[in-house]
């Protein structure tokens, strides 16, 4: 048995926007690769989309925090 719970805190509308943005981005190759990797790890569809949304939030936070423009061709170290 696994226990899954929703994050109770935060702005529901904002969380929904990030989820929808992640779902829409599944058409992009980089987002689809991340989603497929999470599915291969055993996550369900909803969990994989939430993980993708979280990744996008982290990227947005880094851009705002470092005050640097977004670079689409940026690759993280392996």
Protein backbone atom coordinates (compact mmCIF):
# COMPACT_ATOMS: atom_id res chain seq x y z
CA UNK A 1 0.00 0.00 0.00
CA UNK A 2 1.29 3.42 -0.84
CA UNK A 3 -0.02 6.61 0.60
CA UNK A 4 -0.19 9.58 -1.72
CA UNK A 5 -1.25 12.96 -0.55
CA UNK A 6 -1.74 16.29 -2.21
CA UNK A 7 0.24 19.30 -1.17
CA UNK A 8 -2.27 21.16 0.96
CA UNK A 9 -0.50 24.50 0.99
CA UNK A 10 -0.06 27.03 -1.75
CA UNK A 11 -2.26 28.77 -4.25
CA UNK A 12 -4.57 26.20 -5.89
CA UNK A 13 -5.00 28.28 -9.02
CA UNK A 14 -1.25 28.70 -9.43
CA UNK A 15 -0.66 24.96 -8.92
CA UNK A 16 -3.30 24.24 -11.56
CA UNK A 17 -1.60 26.64 -14.00
CA UNK A 18 1.76 24.93 -13.55
CA UNK A 19 0.16 21.49 -13.96
CA UNK A 20 -1.59 22.57 -17.16
CA UNK A 21 1.62 24.14 -18.49
CA UNK A 22 3.50 20.91 -17.80
CA UNK A 23 0.78 18.84 -19.47
CA UNK A 24 0.81 21.12 -22.51
CA UNK A 25 4.61 20.93 -22.73
CA UNK A 26 4.50 17.16 -23.24
CA UNK A 27 4.63 17.89 -26.97
CA UNK A 28 8.17 19.23 -26.60
CA UNK A 29 10.93 16.62 -26.95
CA UNK A 30 12.80 17.62 -23.77
CA UNK A 31 9.65 17.60 -21.65
CA UNK A 32 8.50 14.31 -23.18
CA UNK A 33 11.89 12.73 -22.42
CA UNK A 34 11.64 13.81 -18.77
CA UNK A 35 8.05 12.54 -18.57
CA UNK A 36 8.98 9.20 -20.17
CA UNK A 37 11.91 8.83 -17.76
CA UNK A 38 9.60 9.35 -14.78
CA UNK A 39 7.12 6.83 -16.21
CA UNK A 40 9.96 4.33 -16.62
CA UNK A 41 10.80 4.89 -12.94
CA UNK A 42 7.31 3.62 -12.13
CA UNK A 43 5.47 6.88 -11.60
CA UNK A 44 1.87 7.13 -12.75
CA UNK A 45 0.83 9.68 -15.37
CA UNK A 46 -0.37 12.26 -12.85
CA UNK A 47 2.77 11.89 -10.73
CA UNK A 48 5.01 12.26 -13.78
CA UNK A 49 3.21 15.43 -14.90
CA UNK A 50 3.52 16.87 -11.38
CA UNK A 51 7.26 16.06 -11.41
CA UNK A 52 7.54 17.89 -14.74
CA UNK A 53 5.62 20.86 -13.32
CA UNK A 54 7.94 20.93 -10.33
CA UNK A 55 10.96 20.89 -12.63
CA UNK A 56 9.55 23.84 -14.54
CA UNK A 57 8.96 25.73 -11.28
CA UNK A 58 12.57 25.06 -10.27
CA UNK A 59 13.83 26.40 -13.61
CA UNK A 60 11.64 29.49 -13.29
CA UNK A 61 12.88 30.08 -9.74
CA UNK A 62 16.53 29.78 -10.85
CA UNK A 63 15.95 32.26 -13.67
CA UNK A 64 14.34 34.78 -11.33
CA UNK A 65 16.80 34.20 -8.49
CA UNK A 66 19.94 34.48 -10.64
CA UNK A 67 18.45 37.21 -12.85
CA UNK A 68 19.65 35.47 -15.98
CA UNK A 69 17.70 34.94 -19.18
CA UNK A 70 16.40 31.49 -20.05
CA UNK A 71 18.72 29.50 -22.32
CA UNK A 72 16.83 26.75 -24.10
CA UNK A 73 19.97 24.92 -25.22
CA UNK A 74 21.39 24.72 -21.67
CA UNK A 75 22.33 21.17 -20.67
CA UNK A 76 22.84 20.11 -17.08
CA UNK A 77 25.93 18.14 -16.12
CA UNK A 78 25.39 14.40 -16.05
